[in-house]
């Protein structure tokens, strides 16, 4: 049997900088979020304490349409409920904080 000489393949050098940049992902805060005019209307009415059906009646659309807009808002803001949507939209300046106090 003949002896086989195996030369190890050199691995690329990993520097601290390349490791850190690979680990740190851009936060969702860094991404630009754009809501449509209708999504802002829906979110503002929801923040004021209106149920989906009440929002639908005020905007002359179906409840299903309001729920569709809310789903899009949640997706764009990377949240899962109304409170999180309000907090995130306010933090990003998409809706004014005072929107909850408007009658």
Protein backbone atom coordinates (compact mmCIF):
# COMPACT_ATOMS: atom_id res chain seq x y z
CA UNK A 1 0.00 0.00 0.00
CA UNK A 2 1.44 3.39 -0.94
CA UNK A 3 1.55 6.17 1.57
CA UNK A 4 -0.62 9.13 0.66
CA UNK A 5 0.49 12.53 1.72
CA UNK A 6 -2.38 14.93 2.41
CA UNK A 7 -1.64 18.60 2.63
CA UNK A 8 -4.27 20.49 4.57
CA UNK A 9 -6.07 23.19 2.68
CA UNK A 10 -5.47 26.56 4.29
CA UNK A 11 -8.58 28.06 5.86
CA UNK A 12 -9.29 31.72 5.24
CA UNK A 13 -8.25 33.89 8.14
CA UNK A 14 -11.15 35.12 10.22
CA UNK A 15 -10.54 38.46 11.77
CA UNK A 16 -12.44 39.91 14.70
CA UNK A 17 -13.94 42.50 12.38
CA UNK A 18 -15.36 39.95 9.94
CA UNK A 19 -16.80 37.90 12.79
CA UNK A 20 -18.43 40.92 14.40
CA UNK A 21 -19.89 42.18 11.15
CA UNK A 22 -21.31 38.76 10.41
CA UNK A 23 -22.95 38.50 13.82
CA UNK A 24 -24.44 41.97 14.06
CA UNK A 25 -27.48 42.27 11.85
CA UNK A 26 -29.01 45.65 11.12
CA UNK A 27 -31.79 46.36 13.57
CA UNK A 28 -35.33 46.82 12.38
CA UNK A 29 -35.04 50.41 13.68
CA UNK A 30 -32.58 51.12 10.85
CA UNK A 31 -35.09 50.15 8.18
CA UNK A 32 -37.37 52.76 6.67
CA UNK A 33 -41.02 51.98 7.28
CA UNK A 34 -43.63 53.52 5.04
CA UNK A 35 -47.32 53.28 5.80
CA UNK A 36 -49.96 54.28 3.30
CA UNK A 37 -52.35 57.12 4.07
CA UNK A 38 -55.13 54.60 4.72
CA UNK A 39 -52.93 52.51 7.01
CA UNK A 40 -52.16 55.63 9.04
CA UNK A 41 -55.89 56.42 9.23
CA UNK A 42 -56.67 52.89 10.40
CA UNK A 43 -53.86 52.86 12.95
CA UNK A 44 -54.84 56.29 14.30
CA UNK A 45 -58.46 55.18 14.79
CA UNK A 46 -57.33 51.92 16.42
CA UNK A 47 -55.01 53.83 18.76
CA UNK A 48 -57.98 55.97 19.80
CA UNK A 49 -59.59 52.81 21.16
CA UNK A 50 -61.90 51.91 18.30
CA UNK A 51 -62.63 48.28 17.50
CA UNK A 52 -62.11 47.06 13.94
CA UNK A 53 -65.86 47.24 13.28
CA UNK A 54 -66.00 50.85 14.50
CA UNK A 55 -63.03 51.78 12.32
CA UNK A 56 -64.73 50.09 9.37
CA UNK A 57 -67.93 52.06 9.93
CA UNK A 58 -66.05 55.36 10.17
CA UNK A 59 -64.05 54.70 7.00
CA UNK A 60 -66.99 53.18 5.08
CA UNK A 61 -65.22 49.89 4.47
CA UNK A 62 -65.74 46.34 5.70
CA UNK A 63 -64.26 44.98 8.92
CA UNK A 64 -62.31 42.55 6.77
CA UNK A 65 -60.68 45.49 4.97
CA UNK A 66 -59.67 47.04 8.29
CA UNK A 67 -58.22 43.72 9.44
CA UNK A 68 -56.33 43.48 6.14
CA UNK A 69 -54.83 46.95 6.73
CA UNK A 70 -53.93 46.01 10.30
CA UNK A 71 -52.18 42.86 9.10
CA UNK A 72 -50.15 44.95 6.64
CA UNK A 73 -49.30 47.44 9.39
CA UNK A 74 -48.17 44.67 11.74
CA UNK A 75 -46.03 43.16 8.99
CA UNK A 76 -44.39 46.46 8.07
CA UNK A 77 -43.71 47.35 11.70
CA UNK A 78 -42.65 43.80 12.66
CA UNK A 79 -45.15 43.63 15.53
CA UNK A 80 -47.97 41.30 16.49
CA UNK A 81 -50.62 43.43 18.19
CA UNK A 82 -52.20 46.90 18.42
CA UNK A 83 -50.20 48.08 21.42
CA UNK A 84 -46.89 47.13 19.83
CA UNK A 85 -47.99 48.78 16.56
CA UNK A 86 -48.84 52.00 18.40
CA UNK A 87 -45.54 52.05 20.28
CA UNK A 88 -43.43 51.34 17.21
CA UNK A 89 -45.30 53.75 14.93
CA UNK A 90 -45.00 56.50 17.54
CA UNK A 91 -41.29 55.80 18.05
CA UNK A 92 -40.74 56.00 14.29
CA UNK A 93 -42.75 59.21 14.03
CA UNK A 94 -45.39 57.67 11.77
CA UNK A 95 -48.24 58.82 13.99
CA UNK A 96 -48.25 61.55 16.61
CA UNK A 97 -48.33 60.48 20.23
CA UNK A 98 -51.36 62.72 20.78
CA UNK A 99 -53.39 60.58 18.33
CA UNK A 100 -54.69 58.54 21.24
CA UNK A 101 -56.27 61.60 22.86
CA UNK A 102 -58.15 62.97 19.84
CA UNK A 103 -61.95 62.81 20.08
